Amino acid sequence: MHVDRQALDEAVAKRAFTGVVTIDEGERRTLERCEGFLHRAHGVPMIPEARIAIASGSKSFTALSVLRLVEQGALRLDQPVRELLGDDLPLVDAAVTIEHLLTHTSGIGDYLDEEAEWEVSDFVLSVPVHRLTTAEAFLPVLDGHPQAFAPGERFAYCNGGYMVLAVLLERATGETYHQAVRRLVLEPAGLASTGFLPLNALPADAALGYLDDEGDLVNTLHLPVLGNGDGGAFTTAADLHRFWLALLDGRIVSRATVDAMMRPRHDVPDEGLRSGMGLWLHATHPALVLEGYDAGASFRSTHLIAARTTVSVLGNSSEGAWPVIGALAKAVDAELRA
């Protein structure tokens, strides 16, 4: 893949990018660039092996965990979520199914409505963040949000929907969300460096998430202490490439399920993408996308299916990665058109 190195240099400089940029083509890494710091205050430089938070990029891990259970017969795509919710979250329409949640068509009220006025520096959680260690612990946060539209009526990106899926995972498996995702997705895919790390006790190879392009303010009080169903896993550039290859090789779910995930369901012009089931899709060509944005995280990984090529930008600041993501998106589009 050809990348305009001058354009990449300019994008890195534009928002003082901090993070890791990679291109992996098959078994070869053809581009690797580290910028900024794992830890600014101590001057610890970024490294290629850094574990970096990917925000909503890990929604696909939730989707795949649910789909593993569907393949095993423990859940059904057409299953009303009320069967597992019982009396909890009474404002969720009785007609909402697991498939509605997976495809962002449930219409449930969202505890973090991204269409509302919202700043990445806001404190958006209504309970102390240190309590949010399981999906069940999110029930008070998810409750009290009226249904926005009838299930299946249209697409509306919904963080709350993926948190409800995490609750269903816990109830169907008897495990915590994090245990279920590790067993059902991360281990089969060989993602040894990927997982949900406590923000208040990050290991040495994990990047702190910075709210701004400069300064030492981090995201510890802005996010759940452990990421959950709607995002927050930490991963590495190498594990992202492993993930895409494992997914498409049928090592997480069957190839038939992968094909169902990759079927375009909705155009999402605001994102410049299409939506599948648990995956973003390139707007016009056969490429798959994970994307995330949150306090201290800006991320995109794109996989070009035919070329078995992964282009990843993992940023550990709120905004720094977006110019770099834009520059590499042009290279991706050119490659797909060739």
C-alpha atoms as a PDB file:
ATOM      1  CA  MET A   1       0.000   0.000   0.000  1.00  0.00           C
ATOM      2  CA  HIS A   2       1.313   3.411  -0.923  1.00  0.00           C
ATOM      3  CA  VAL A   3       1.205   6.045   1.825  1.00  0.00           C
ATOM      4  CA  ASP A   4       2.051   9.686   1.195  1.00  0.00           C
ATOM      5  CA  ARG A   5       4.698  10.112   3.902  1.00  0.00           C
ATOM      6  CA  GLN A   6       4.608  13.908   3.721  1.00  0.00           C
ATOM      7  CA  ALA A   7       0.843  13.923   4.218  1.00  0.00           C
ATOM      8  CA  LEU A   8       1.298  11.545   7.158  1.00  0.00           C
ATOM      9  CA  ASP A   9       3.959  13.818   8.683  1.00  0.00           C
ATOM     10  CA  GLU A  10       1.618  16.788   8.389  1.00  0.00           C
ATOM     11  CA  ALA A  11      -1.261  14.849   9.948  1.00  0.00           C
ATOM     12  CA  VAL A  12       0.904  13.748  12.878  1.00  0.00           C
ATOM     13  CA  ALA A  13       1.946  17.346  13.517  1.00  0.00           C
ATOM     14  CA  LYS A  14      -1.527  18.828  13.120  1.00  0.00           C
ATOM     15  CA  ARG A  15      -2.888  17.664  16.499  1.00  0.00           C
ATOM     16  CA  ALA A  16       0.336  16.519  18.184  1.00  0.00           C
ATOM     17  CA  PHE A  17      -0.591  12.877  17.624  1.00  0.00           C
ATOM     18  CA  THR A  18       0.343  10.455  20.372  1.00  0.00           C
ATOM     19  CA  GLY A  19       0.015   6.746  19.687  1.00  0.00           C
ATOM     20  CA  VAL A  20       0.904   4.016  17.204  1.00  0.00           C
ATOM     21  CA  VAL A  21       0.341   3.801  13.434  1.00  0.00           C
ATOM     22  CA  THR A  22       0.836   0.515  11.585  1.00  0.00           C
ATOM     23  CA  ILE A  23       0.170  -1.203   8.294  1.00  0.00           C
ATOM     24  CA  ASP A  24       0.377  -5.001   8.279  1.00  0.00           C
ATOM     25  CA  GLU A  25       0.175  -6.711   4.877  1.00  0.00           C
ATOM     26  CA  GLY A  26      -0.206 -10.445   5.328  1.00  0.00           C
ATOM     27  CA  GLU A  27       2.794 -11.524   7.405  1.00  0.00           C
ATOM     28  CA  ARG A  28       4.772  -8.290   6.838  1.00  0.00           C
ATOM     29  CA  ARG A  29       4.597  -5.005   8.702  1.00  0.00           C
ATOM     30  CA  THR A  30       5.175  -2.369   6.046  1.00  0.00           C
ATOM     31  CA  LEU A  31       4.672   0.749   8.166  1.00  0.00           C
ATOM     32  CA  GLU A  32       5.269   1.336  11.853  1.00  0.00           C
ATOM     33  CA  ARG A  33       5.330   4.704  13.549  1.00  0.00           C
ATOM     34  CA  CYS A  34       5.258   5.652  17.214  1.00  0.00           C
ATOM     35  CA  GLU A  35       4.662   9.198  18.424  1.00  0.00           C
ATOM     36  CA  GLY A  36       4.236  10.834  21.797  1.00  0.00           C
ATOM     37  CA  PHE A  37       4.236   9.110  25.147  1.00  0.00           C
ATOM     38  CA  LEU A  38       2.915   6.177  27.087  1.00  0.00           C
ATOM     39  CA  HIS A  39       3.282   8.477  30.098  1.00  0.00           C
ATOM     40  CA  ARG A  40       3.862  12.178  29.452  1.00  0.00           C
ATOM     41  CA  ALA A  41       4.773  13.317  32.940  1.00  0.00           C
ATOM     42  CA  HIS A  42       7.549  10.747  33.200  1.00  0.00           C
ATOM     43  CA  GLY A  43       8.628  11.125  29.573  1.00  0.00           C
ATOM     44  CA  VAL A  44       8.036   7.430  28.766  1.00  0.00           C
ATOM     45  CA  PRO A  45       8.019   7.217  24.952  1.00  0.00           C
ATOM     46  CA  MET A  46       5.411   5.361  22.933  1.00  0.00           C
ATOM     47  CA  ILE A  47       6.395   1.848  21.820  1.00  0.00           C
ATOM     48  CA  PRO A  48       5.001  -0.390  19.033  1.00  0.00           C
ATOM     49  CA  GLU A  49       3.840  -2.979  21.600  1.00  0.00           C
ATOM     50  CA  ALA A  50       1.878  -0.457  23.653  1.00  0.00           C
ATOM     51  CA  ARG A  51      -1.544  -1.506  24.867  1.00  0.00           C
ATOM     52  CA  ILE A  52      -3.866   1.372  23.988  1.00  0.00           C
ATOM     53  CA  ALA A  53      -7.576   1.813  24.699  1.00  0.00           C
ATOM     54  CA  ILE A  54      -9.825   1.608  21.636  1.00  0.00           C
ATOM     55  CA  ALA A  55     -13.116   2.925  23.104  1.00  0.00           C
ATOM     56  CA  SER A  56     -16.065   1.710  20.989  1.00  0.00           C
ATOM     57  CA  GLY A  57     -13.722  -0.320  18.820  1.00  0.00           C
ATOM     58  CA  SER A  58     -14.288  -3.185  21.235  1.00  0.00           C
ATOM     59  CA  LYS A  59     -18.060  -3.291  20.639  1.00  0.00           C
ATOM     60  CA  SER A  60     -17.246  -5.965  18.082  1.00  0.00           C
ATOM     61  CA  PHE A  61     -15.885  -8.168  20.892  1.00  0.00           C
ATOM     62  CA  THR A  62     -19.291  -7.888  22.561  1.00  0.00           C
ATOM     63  CA  ALA A  63     -21.083  -8.724  19.318  1.00  0.00           C
ATOM     64  CA  LEU A  64     -18.878 -11.736  18.666  1.00  0.00           C
ATOM     65  CA  SER A  65     -19.348 -13.050  22.204  1.00  0.00           C
ATOM     66  CA  VAL A  66     -23.110 -12.876  21.750  1.00  0.00           C
ATOM     67  CA  LEU A  67     -22.895 -14.523  18.322  1.00  0.00           C
ATOM     68  CA  ARG A  68     -20.784 -17.353  19.752  1.00  0.00           C
ATOM     69  CA  LEU A  69     -23.631 -18.032  22.182  1.00  0.00           C
ATOM     70  CA  VAL A  70     -26.128 -17.862  19.320  1.00  0.00           C
ATOM     71  CA  GLU A  71     -24.121 -20.488  17.435  1.00  0.00           C
ATOM     72  CA  GLN A  72     -24.058 -22.642  20.581  1.00  0.00           C
ATOM     73  CA  GLY A  73     -27.837 -22.344  21.006  1.00  0.00           C
ATOM     74  CA  ALA A  74     -27.659 -20.454  24.296  1.00  0.00           C
ATOM     75  CA  LEU A  75     -29.175 -17.314  22.714  1.00  0.00           C
ATOM     76  CA  ARG A  76     -31.224 -16.551  19.578  1.00  0.00           C
ATOM     77  CA  LEU A  77     -31.014 -13.529  17.297  1.00  0.00           C
ATOM     78  CA  ASP A  78     -34.816 -13.212  17.377  1.00  0.00           C
ATOM     79  CA  GLN A  79     -34.949 -13.653  21.152  1.00  0.00           C
ATOM     80  CA  PRO A  80     -36.742 -10.839  22.996  1.00  0.00           C
ATOM     81  CA  VAL A  81     -34.297  -9.379  25.487  1.00  0.00           C
ATOM     82  CA  ARG A  82     -37.086  -9.221  28.063  1.00  0.00           C
ATOM     83  CA  GLU A  83     -36.693 -12.997  28.511  1.00  0.00           C
ATOM     84  CA  LEU A  84     -33.347 -12.382  30.221  1.00  0.00           C
ATOM     85  CA  LEU A  85     -33.924  -8.892  31.611  1.00  0.00           C
ATOM     86  CA  GLY A  86     -36.979  -9.921  33.609  1.00  0.00           C
ATOM     87  CA  ASP A  87     -38.230  -6.881  35.511  1.00  0.00           C
ATOM     88  CA  ASP A  88     -35.020  -4.895  34.996  1.00  0.00           C
ATOM     89  CA  LEU A  89     -34.946  -1.902  32.602  1.00  0.00           C
ATOM     90  CA  PRO A  90     -38.759  -1.737  32.280  1.00  0.00           C
ATOM     91  CA  LEU A  91     -38.623   1.036  29.652  1.00  0.00           C
ATOM     92  CA  VAL A  92     -37.045  -1.319  27.098  1.00  0.00           C
ATOM     93  CA  ASP A  93     -39.785  -2.263  24.639  1.00  0.00           C
ATOM     94  CA  ALA A  94     -40.918  -5.895  24.917  1.00  0.00           C
ATOM     95  CA  ALA A  95     -40.368  -6.314  21.156  1.00  0.00           C
ATOM     96  CA  VAL A  96     -36.622  -5.523  21.298  1.00  0.00           C
ATOM     97  CA  THR A  97     -34.580  -8.538  20.224  1.00  0.00           C
ATOM     98  CA  ILE A  98     -30.898  -9.407  20.452  1.00  0.00           C
ATOM     99  CA  GLU A  99     -30.534  -8.714  16.737  1.00  0.00           C
ATOM    100  CA  HIS A 100     -31.999  -5.220  17.203  1.00  0.00           C
ATOM    101  CA  LEU A 101     -29.314  -4.498  19.803  1.00  0.00           C
ATOM    102  CA  LEU A 102     -26.522  -5.886  17.619  1.00  0.00           C
ATOM    103  CA  THR A 103     -27.579  -3.763  14.623  1.00  0.00           C
ATOM    104  CA  HIS A 104     -28.315  -0.499  16.504  1.00  0.00           C
ATOM    105  CA  THR A 105     -31.996  -0.675  15.545  1.00  0.00           C
ATOM    106  CA  SER A 106     -33.509  -1.309  18.989  1.00  0.00           C
ATOM    107  CA  GLY A 107     -34.714   2.245  19.573  1.00  0.00           C
ATOM    108  CA  ILE A 108     -33.976   2.002  23.297  1.00  0.00           C
ATOM    109  CA  GLY A 109     -33.085   5.186  25.125  1.00  0.00           C
ATOM    110  CA  ASP A 110     -29.328   5.662  25.290  1.00  0.00           C
ATOM    111  CA  TYR A 111     -27.546   6.567  28.508  1.00  0.00           C
ATOM    112  CA  LEU A 112     -24.825   8.200  26.363  1.00  0.00           C
ATOM    113  CA  ASP A 113     -26.627   9.768  23.426  1.00  0.00           C
ATOM    114  CA  GLU A 114     -23.966  10.736  20.900  1.00  0.00           C
ATOM    115  CA  GLU A 115     -26.467  12.845  18.940  1.00  0.00           C
ATOM    116  CA  ALA A 116     -26.966  15.122  21.952  1.00  0.00           C
ATOM    117  CA  GLU A 117     -24.626  17.934  22.907  1.00  0.00           C
ATOM    118  CA  TRP A 118     -21.652  16.202  24.450  1.00  0.00           C
ATOM    119  CA  GLU A 119     -18.023  17.035  25.032  1.00  0.00           C
ATOM    120  CA  VAL A 120     -15.348  14.427  25.462  1.00  0.00           C
ATOM    121  CA  SER A 121     -14.258  16.146  28.674  1.00  0.00           C
ATOM    122  CA  ASP A 122     -17.730  15.828  30.259  1.00  0.00           C
ATOM    123  CA  PHE A 123     -18.339  13.636  33.291  1.00  0.00           C
ATOM    124  CA  VAL A 124     -21.165  11.570  31.821  1.00  0.00           C
ATOM    125  CA  LEU A 125     -21.640   8.739  34.320  1.00  0.00           C
ATOM    126  CA  SER A 126     -24.279   9.053  37.025  1.00  0.00           C
ATOM    127  CA  VAL A 127     -22.681   6.606  39.474  1.00  0.00           C
ATOM    128  CA  PRO A 128     -19.132   6.497  40.885  1.00  0.00           C
ATOM    129  CA  VAL A 129     -16.889   5.105  38.162  1.00  0.00           C
ATOM    130  CA  HIS A 130     -15.087   2.723  40.534  1.00  0.00           C
ATOM    131  CA  ARG A 131     -18.296   0.721  40.967  1.00  0.00           C
ATOM    132  CA  LEU A 132     -18.606  -0.124  37.270  1.00  0.00           C
ATOM    133  CA  THR A 133     -16.722  -3.414  37.269  1.00  0.00           C
ATOM    134  CA  THR A 134     -19.435  -5.670  35.793  1.00  0.00           C
ATOM    135  CA  ALA A 135     -22.267  -5.226  33.312  1.00  0.00           C
ATOM    136  CA  GLU A 136     -24.837  -5.760  36.084  1.00  0.00           C
ATOM    137  CA  ALA A 137     -23.353  -2.753  37.889  1.00  0.00           C
ATOM    138  CA  PHE A 138     -24.456  -0.586  34.949  1.00  0.00           C
ATOM    139  CA  LEU A 139     -28.178  -1.276  35.463  1.00  0.00           C
ATOM    140  CA  PRO A 140     -28.781   1.985  37.407  1.00  0.00           C
ATOM    141  CA  VAL A 141     -27.041   3.894  34.578  1.00  0.00           C
ATOM    142  CA  LEU A 142     -29.077   2.157  31.874  1.00  0.00           C
ATOM    143  CA  ASP A 143     -32.423   2.567  33.620  1.00  0.00           C
ATOM    144  CA  GLY A 144     -34.840   5.465  33.162  1.00  0.00           C
ATOM    145  CA  HIS A 145     -34.277   6.222  29.458  1.00  0.00           C
ATOM    146  CA  PRO A 146     -37.534   6.072  27.465  1.00  0.00           C
ATOM    147  CA  GLN A 147     -37.771   4.159  24.208  1.00  0.00           C
ATOM    148  CA  ALA A 148     -36.858   6.569  21.372  1.00  0.00           C
ATOM    149  CA  PHE A 149     -38.574   4.727  18.497  1.00  0.00           C
ATOM    150  CA  ALA A 150     -40.164   1.389  17.686  1.00  0.00           C
ATOM    151  CA  PRO A 151     -37.755  -1.553  17.463  1.00  0.00           C
ATOM    152  CA  GLY A 152     -36.533  -2.121  13.918  1.00  0.00           C
ATOM    153  CA  GLU A 153     -37.761   1.240  12.627  1.00  0.00           C
ATOM    154  CA  ARG A 154     -34.326   2.675  11.781  1.00  0.00           C
ATOM    155  CA  PHE A 155     -30.622   2.793  12.623  1.00  0.00           C
ATOM    156  CA  ALA A 156     -29.466   4.862  15.594  1.00  0.00           C
ATOM    157  CA  TYR A 157     -26.041   4.205  17.104  1.00  0.00           C
ATOM    158  CA  CYS A 158     -26.642   3.149  20.695  1.00  0.00           C
ATOM    159  CA  ASN A 159     -24.066   2.648  23.431  1.00  0.00           C
ATOM    160  CA  GLY A 160     -26.770   1.533  25.834  1.00  0.00           C
ATOM    161  CA  GLY A 161     -27.773  -1.272  23.487  1.00  0.00           C
ATOM    162  CA  TYR A 162     -24.325  -2.818  23.735  1.00  0.00           C
ATOM    163  CA  MET A 163     -24.374  -2.487  27.503  1.00  0.00           C
ATOM    164  CA  VAL A 164     -27.670  -4.390  27.534  1.00  0.00           C
ATOM    165  CA  LEU A 165     -25.953  -7.078  25.419  1.00  0.00           C
ATOM    166  CA  ALA A 166     -23.221  -7.246  28.077  1.00  0.00           C
ATOM    167  CA  VAL A 167     -25.883  -7.787  30.761  1.00  0.00           C
ATOM    168  CA  LEU A 168     -27.385 -10.589  28.657  1.00  0.00           C
ATOM    169  CA  LEU A 169     -23.934 -12.164  28.290  1.00  0.00           C
ATOM    170  CA  GLU A 170     -23.481 -12.228  32.041  1.00  0.00           C
ATOM    171  CA  ARG A 171     -26.900 -13.754  32.621  1.00  0.00           C
ATOM    172  CA  ALA A 172     -26.558 -16.356  29.865  1.00  0.00           C
ATOM    173  CA  THR A 173     -23.077 -17.509  30.914  1.00  0.00           C
ATOM    174  CA  GLY A 174     -22.942 -16.944  34.669  1.00  0.00           C
ATOM    175  CA  GLU A 175     -19.599 -15.203  34.109  1.00  0.00           C
ATOM    176  CA  THR A 176     -18.640 -11.562  34.261  1.00  0.00           C
ATOM    177  CA  TYR A 177     -18.663  -9.778  30.919  1.00  0.00           C
ATOM    178  CA  HIS A 178     -14.857  -9.718  30.910  1.00  0.00           C
ATOM    179  CA  GLN A 179     -14.555 -13.450  31.606  1.00  0.00           C
ATOM    180  CA  ALA A 180     -17.046 -14.264  28.854  1.00  0.00           C
ATOM    181  CA  VAL A 181     -15.316 -12.102  26.248  1.00  0.00           C
ATOM    182  CA  ARG A 182     -11.924 -13.605  27.065  1.00  0.00           C
ATOM    183  CA  ARG A 183     -13.227 -17.163  26.780  1.00  0.00           C
ATOM    184  CA  LEU A 184     -15.438 -16.663  23.745  1.00  0.00           C
ATOM    185  CA  VAL A 185     -13.384 -14.221  21.636  1.00  0.00           C
ATOM    186  CA  LEU A 186      -9.950 -13.208  22.856  1.00  0.00           C
ATOM    187  CA  GLU A 187      -8.564 -16.677  23.535  1.00  0.00           C
ATOM    188  CA  PRO A 188      -9.848 -18.311  20.312  1.00  0.00           C
ATOM    189  CA  ALA A 189      -8.386 -15.395  18.322  1.00  0.00           C
ATOM    190  CA  GLY A 190      -5.019 -15.578  20.088  1.00  0.00           C
ATOM    191  CA  LEU A 191      -5.230 -12.008  21.407  1.00  0.00           C
ATOM    192  CA  ALA A 192      -2.909 -12.396  24.388  1.00  0.00           C
ATOM    193  CA  SER A 193      -2.258  -8.656  24.710  1.00  0.00           C
ATOM    194  CA  THR A 194      -5.913  -7.600  24.518  1.00  0.00           C
ATOM    195  CA  GLY A 195      -8.223  -7.152  27.492  1.00  0.00           C
ATOM    196  CA  PHE A 196      -9.989  -4.794  29.848  1.00  0.00           C
ATOM    197  CA  LEU A 197      -7.483  -3.051  32.115  1.00  0.00           C
ATOM    198  CA  PRO A 198      -8.353  -1.072  35.274  1.00  0.00           C
ATOM    199  CA  LEU A 199      -7.837   2.619  34.572  1.00  0.00           C
ATOM    200  CA  ASN A 200      -6.661   3.211  38.124  1.00  0.00           C
ATOM    201  CA  ALA A 201      -3.974   0.487  37.976  1.00  0.00           C
ATOM    202  CA  LEU A 202      -2.608   0.358  34.430  1.00  0.00           C
ATOM    203  CA  PRO A 203       0.429  -1.869  33.798  1.00  0.00           C
ATOM    204  CA  ALA A 204       3.689  -0.435  32.509  1.00  0.00           C
ATOM    205  CA  ASP A 205       3.015  -1.223  28.832  1.00  0.00           C
ATOM    206  CA  ALA A 206      -0.440   0.408  28.796  1.00  0.00           C
ATOM    207  CA  ALA A 207      -0.793   3.972  27.551  1.00  0.00           C
ATOM    208  CA  LEU A 208      -2.478   6.568  29.719  1.00  0.00           C
ATOM    209  CA  GLY A 209      -5.408   8.244  27.949  1.00  0.00           C
ATOM    210  CA  TYR A 210      -4.954  12.018  27.712  1.00  0.00           C
ATOM    211  CA  LEU A 211      -7.906  14.348  27.348  1.00  0.00           C
ATOM    212  CA  ASP A 212      -5.972  17.006  25.439  1.00  0.00           C
ATOM    213  CA  ASP A 213      -3.155  17.324  22.929  1.00  0.00           C
ATOM    214  CA  GLU A 214      -0.930  18.699  25.686  1.00  0.00           C
ATOM    215  CA  GLY A 215      -0.801  18.398  29.449  1.00  0.00           C
ATOM    216  CA  ASP A 216      -1.126  15.523  31.894  1.00  0.00           C
ATOM    217  CA  LEU A 217      -4.899  15.345  32.466  1.00  0.00           C
ATOM    218  CA  VAL A 218      -6.006  11.734  31.995  1.00  0.00           C
ATOM    219  CA  ASN A 219      -9.378  10.039  31.625  1.00  0.00           C
ATOM    220  CA  THR A 220      -9.544   8.048  34.877  1.00  0.00           C
ATOM    221  CA  LEU A 221     -12.578   9.921  36.262  1.00  0.00           C
ATOM    222  CA  HIS A 222     -14.394  10.173  32.925  1.00  0.00           C
ATOM    223  CA  LEU A 223     -14.845   6.469  32.139  1.00  0.00           C
ATOM    224  CA  PRO A 224     -15.792   3.245  33.942  1.00  0.00           C
ATOM    225  CA  VAL A 225     -12.834   1.864  35.879  1.00  0.00           C
ATOM    226  CA  LEU A 226     -13.154  -1.212  33.613  1.00  0.00           C
ATOM    227  CA  GLY A 227     -14.411  -0.934  30.078  1.00  0.00           C
ATOM    228  CA  ASN A 228     -17.482  -3.008  29.318  1.00  0.00           C
ATOM    229  CA  GLY A 229     -19.932  -3.958  26.585  1.00  0.00           C
ATOM    230  CA  ASP A 230     -19.943  -0.639  24.772  1.00  0.00           C
ATOM    231  CA  GLY A 231     -16.178  -0.180  24.681  1.00  0.00           C
ATOM    232  CA  GLY A 232     -12.958   0.318  26.553  1.00  0.00           C
ATOM    233  CA  ALA A 233     -10.725  -2.660  25.805  1.00  0.00           C
ATOM    234  CA  PHE A 234      -6.975  -2.150  25.500  1.00  0.00           C
ATOM    235  CA  THR A 235      -5.142  -3.785  22.604  1.00  0.00           C
ATOM    236  CA  THR A 236      -2.020  -3.558  20.446  1.00  0.00           C
ATOM    237  CA  ALA A 237      -1.488  -2.949  16.766  1.00  0.00           C
ATOM    238  CA  ALA A 238      -0.260  -6.536  16.333  1.00  0.00           C
ATOM    239  CA  ASP A 239      -3.322  -7.986  18.062  1.00  0.00           C
ATOM    240  CA  LEU A 240      -5.623  -5.980  15.800  1.00  0.00           C
ATOM    241  CA  HIS A 241      -4.104  -7.628  12.732  1.00  0.00           C
ATOM    242  CA  ARG A 242      -4.413 -11.021  14.454  1.00  0.00           C
ATOM    243  CA  PHE A 243      -8.047 -10.243  15.236  1.00  0.00           C
ATOM    244  CA  TRP A 244      -9.001  -9.507  11.652  1.00  0.00           C
ATOM    245  CA  LEU A 245      -7.269 -12.626  10.315  1.00  0.00           C
ATOM    246  CA  ALA A 246      -8.824 -14.823  13.017  1.00  0.00           C
ATOM    247  CA  LEU A 247     -12.274 -13.397  12.305  1.00  0.00           C
ATOM    248  CA  LEU A 248     -12.102 -13.922   8.551  1.00  0.00           C
ATOM    249  CA  ASP A 249     -10.523 -17.357   8.909  1.00  0.00           C
ATOM    250  CA  GLY A 250     -13.507 -18.492  10.986  1.00  0.00           C
ATOM    251  CA  ARG A 251     -11.578 -18.993  14.228  1.00  0.00           C
ATOM    252  CA  ILE A 252     -13.969 -16.944  16.400  1.00  0.00           C
ATOM    253  CA  VAL A 253     -17.366 -17.603  14.824  1.00  0.00           C
ATOM    254  CA  SER A 254     -18.278 -19.609  11.730  1.00  0.00           C
ATOM    255  CA  ARG A 255     -17.727 -18.114   8.300  1.00  0.00           C
ATOM    256  CA  ALA A 256     -21.517 -18.070   7.814  1.00  0.00           C
ATOM    257  CA  THR A 257     -21.832 -15.847  10.880  1.00  0.00           C
ATOM    258  CA  VAL A 258     -18.996 -13.630   9.652  1.00  0.00           C
ATOM    259  CA  ASP A 259     -20.832 -13.235   6.340  1.00  0.00           C
ATOM    260  CA  ALA A 260     -23.979 -12.204   8.221  1.00  0.00           C
ATOM    261  CA  MET A 261     -21.964  -9.628  10.174  1.00  0.00           C
ATOM    262  CA  MET A 262     -20.482  -8.248   6.946  1.00  0.00           C
ATOM    263  CA  ARG A 263     -23.829  -7.847   5.163  1.00  0.00           C
ATOM    264  CA  PRO A 264     -24.475  -4.104   4.735  1.00  0.00           C
ATOM    265  CA  ARG A 265     -27.610  -3.103   6.588  1.00  0.00           C
ATOM    266  CA  HIS A 266     -27.529   0.682   6.778  1.00  0.00           C
ATOM    267  CA  ASP A 267     -25.680   3.588   5.197  1.00  0.00           C
ATOM    268  CA  VAL A 268     -24.387   5.938   7.901  1.00  0.00           C
ATOM    269  CA  PRO A 269     -23.385   9.142   6.064  1.00  0.00           C
ATOM    270  CA  ASP A 270     -22.335  10.967   9.241  1.00  0.00           C
ATOM    271  CA  GLU A 271     -19.622   8.347   9.731  1.00  0.00           C
ATOM    272  CA  GLY A 272     -18.802   7.893   6.041  1.00  0.00           C
ATOM    273  CA  LEU A 273     -19.391   4.165   6.600  1.00  0.00           C
ATOM    274  CA  ARG A 274     -21.980   1.426   6.369  1.00  0.00           C
ATOM    275  CA  SER A 275     -23.204  -0.616   9.298  1.00  0.00           C
ATOM    276  CA  GLY A 276     -23.257  -4.394   9.381  1.00  0.00           C
ATOM    277  CA  MET A 277     -23.976  -6.452  12.500  1.00  0.00           C
ATOM    278  CA  GLY A 278     -21.376  -5.660  15.120  1.00  0.00           C
ATOM    279  CA  LEU A 279     -19.001  -4.218  12.514  1.00  0.00           C
ATOM    280  CA  TRP A 280     -18.561  -1.032  10.544  1.00  0.00           C
ATOM    281  CA  LEU A 281     -18.066  -1.494   6.799  1.00  0.00           C
ATOM    282  CA  HIS A 282     -16.279   0.713   4.288  1.00  0.00           C
ATOM    283  CA  ALA A 283     -18.752   2.951   2.445  1.00  0.00           C
ATOM    284  CA  THR A 284     -18.225   1.395  -0.981  1.00  0.00           C
ATOM    285  CA  HIS A 285     -15.653  -1.416  -0.952  1.00  0.00           C
ATOM    286  CA  PRO A 286     -15.018  -4.755   0.817  1.00  0.00           C
ATOM    287  CA  ALA A 287     -13.180  -3.513   3.890  1.00  0.00           C
ATOM    288  CA  LEU A 288     -14.032  -3.791   7.588  1.00  0.00           C
ATOM    289  CA  VAL A 289     -13.643  -1.093  10.229  1.00  0.00           C
ATOM    290  CA  LEU A 290     -13.386  -0.804  13.995  1.00  0.00           C
ATOM    291  CA  GLU A 291     -13.596   2.752  15.294  1.00  0.00           C
ATOM    292  CA  GLY A 292     -13.601   4.392  18.690  1.00  0.00           C
ATOM    293  CA  TYR A 293     -13.689   7.851  20.250  1.00  0.00           C
ATOM    294  CA  ASP A 294     -13.810   8.746  23.906  1.00  0.00           C
ATOM    295  CA  ALA A 295     -12.022  10.703  26.577  1.00  0.00           C
ATOM    296  CA  GLY A 296      -8.380   9.827  26.008  1.00  0.00           C
ATOM    297  CA  ALA A 297      -8.954   7.560  22.993  1.00  0.00           C
ATOM    298  CA  SER A 298      -9.133   8.099  19.221  1.00  0.00           C
ATOM    299  CA  PHE A 299      -8.909   4.960  17.118  1.00  0.00           C
ATOM    300  CA  ARG A 300      -9.563   3.256  13.807  1.00  0.00           C
ATOM    301  CA  SER A 301      -8.500  -0.095  12.386  1.00  0.00           C
ATOM    302  CA  THR A 302      -9.395  -0.909   8.776  1.00  0.00           C
ATOM    303  CA  HIS A 303      -8.947  -4.337   7.219  1.00  0.00           C
ATOM    304  CA  LEU A 304      -8.788  -4.760   3.457  1.00  0.00           C
ATOM    305  CA  ILE A 305     -10.213  -8.218   3.018  1.00  0.00           C
ATOM    306  CA  ALA A 306      -8.749  -9.309  -0.318  1.00  0.00           C
ATOM    307  CA  ALA A 307      -5.266  -8.028   0.517  1.00  0.00           C
ATOM    308  CA  ARG A 308      -5.290  -9.323   4.135  1.00  0.00           C
ATOM    309  CA  THR A 309      -4.007  -5.878   5.060  1.00  0.00           C
ATOM    310  CA  THR A 310      -4.696  -4.021   8.304  1.00  0.00           C
ATOM    311  CA  VAL A 311      -4.274  -0.261   8.713  1.00  0.00           C
ATOM    312  CA  SER A 312      -4.458   0.805  12.359  1.00  0.00           C
ATOM    313  CA  VAL A 313      -4.217   4.119  14.191  1.00  0.00           C
ATOM    314  CA  LEU A 314      -4.309   3.822  17.976  1.00  0.00           C
ATOM    315  CA  GLY A 315      -4.290   7.217  19.653  1.00  0.00           C
ATOM    316  CA  ASN A 316      -4.049   7.797  23.396  1.00  0.00           C
ATOM    317  CA  SER A 317      -5.551  11.276  23.319  1.00  0.00           C
ATOM    318  CA  SER A 318      -9.104  12.370  22.625  1.00  0.00           C
ATOM    319  CA  GLU A 319      -8.562  14.095  19.292  1.00  0.00           C
ATOM    320  CA  GLY A 320      -4.964  13.514  18.203  1.00  0.00           C
ATOM    321  CA  ALA A 321      -5.553  10.543  15.928  1.00  0.00           C
ATOM    322  CA  TRP A 322      -8.221  12.010  13.675  1.00  0.00           C
ATOM    323  CA  PRO A 323      -5.947  13.864  11.212  1.00  0.00           C
ATOM    324  CA  VAL A 324      -3.811  10.710  10.932  1.00  0.00           C
ATOM    325  CA  ILE A 325      -6.901   8.550  10.427  1.00  0.00           C
ATOM    326  CA  GLY A 326      -8.010  10.931   7.677  1.00  0.00           C
ATOM    327  CA  ALA A 327      -4.642  10.801   5.912  1.00  0.00           C
ATOM    328  CA  LEU A 328      -4.524   7.014   5.953  1.00  0.00           C
ATOM    329  CA  ALA A 329      -8.164   6.759   4.863  1.00  0.00           C
ATOM    330  CA  LYS A 330      -7.111   8.366   1.587  1.00  0.00           C
ATOM    331  CA  ALA A 331      -4.440   5.703   1.119  1.00  0.00           C
ATOM    332  CA  VAL A 332      -6.979   2.982   1.923  1.00  0.00           C
ATOM    333  CA  ASP A 333      -9.476   4.371  -0.587  1.00  0.00           C
ATOM    334  CA  ALA A 334      -6.822   4.544  -3.297  1.00  0.00           C
ATOM    335  CA  GLU A 335      -5.784   0.957  -2.626  1.00  0.00           C
ATOM    336  CA  LEU A 336      -9.390  -0.263  -2.755  1.00  0.00           C
ATOM    337  CA  ARG A 337     -10.029   1.538  -6.044  1.00  0.00           C
ATOM    338  CA  ALA A 338      -6.878   0.161  -7.680  1.00  0.00           C
END
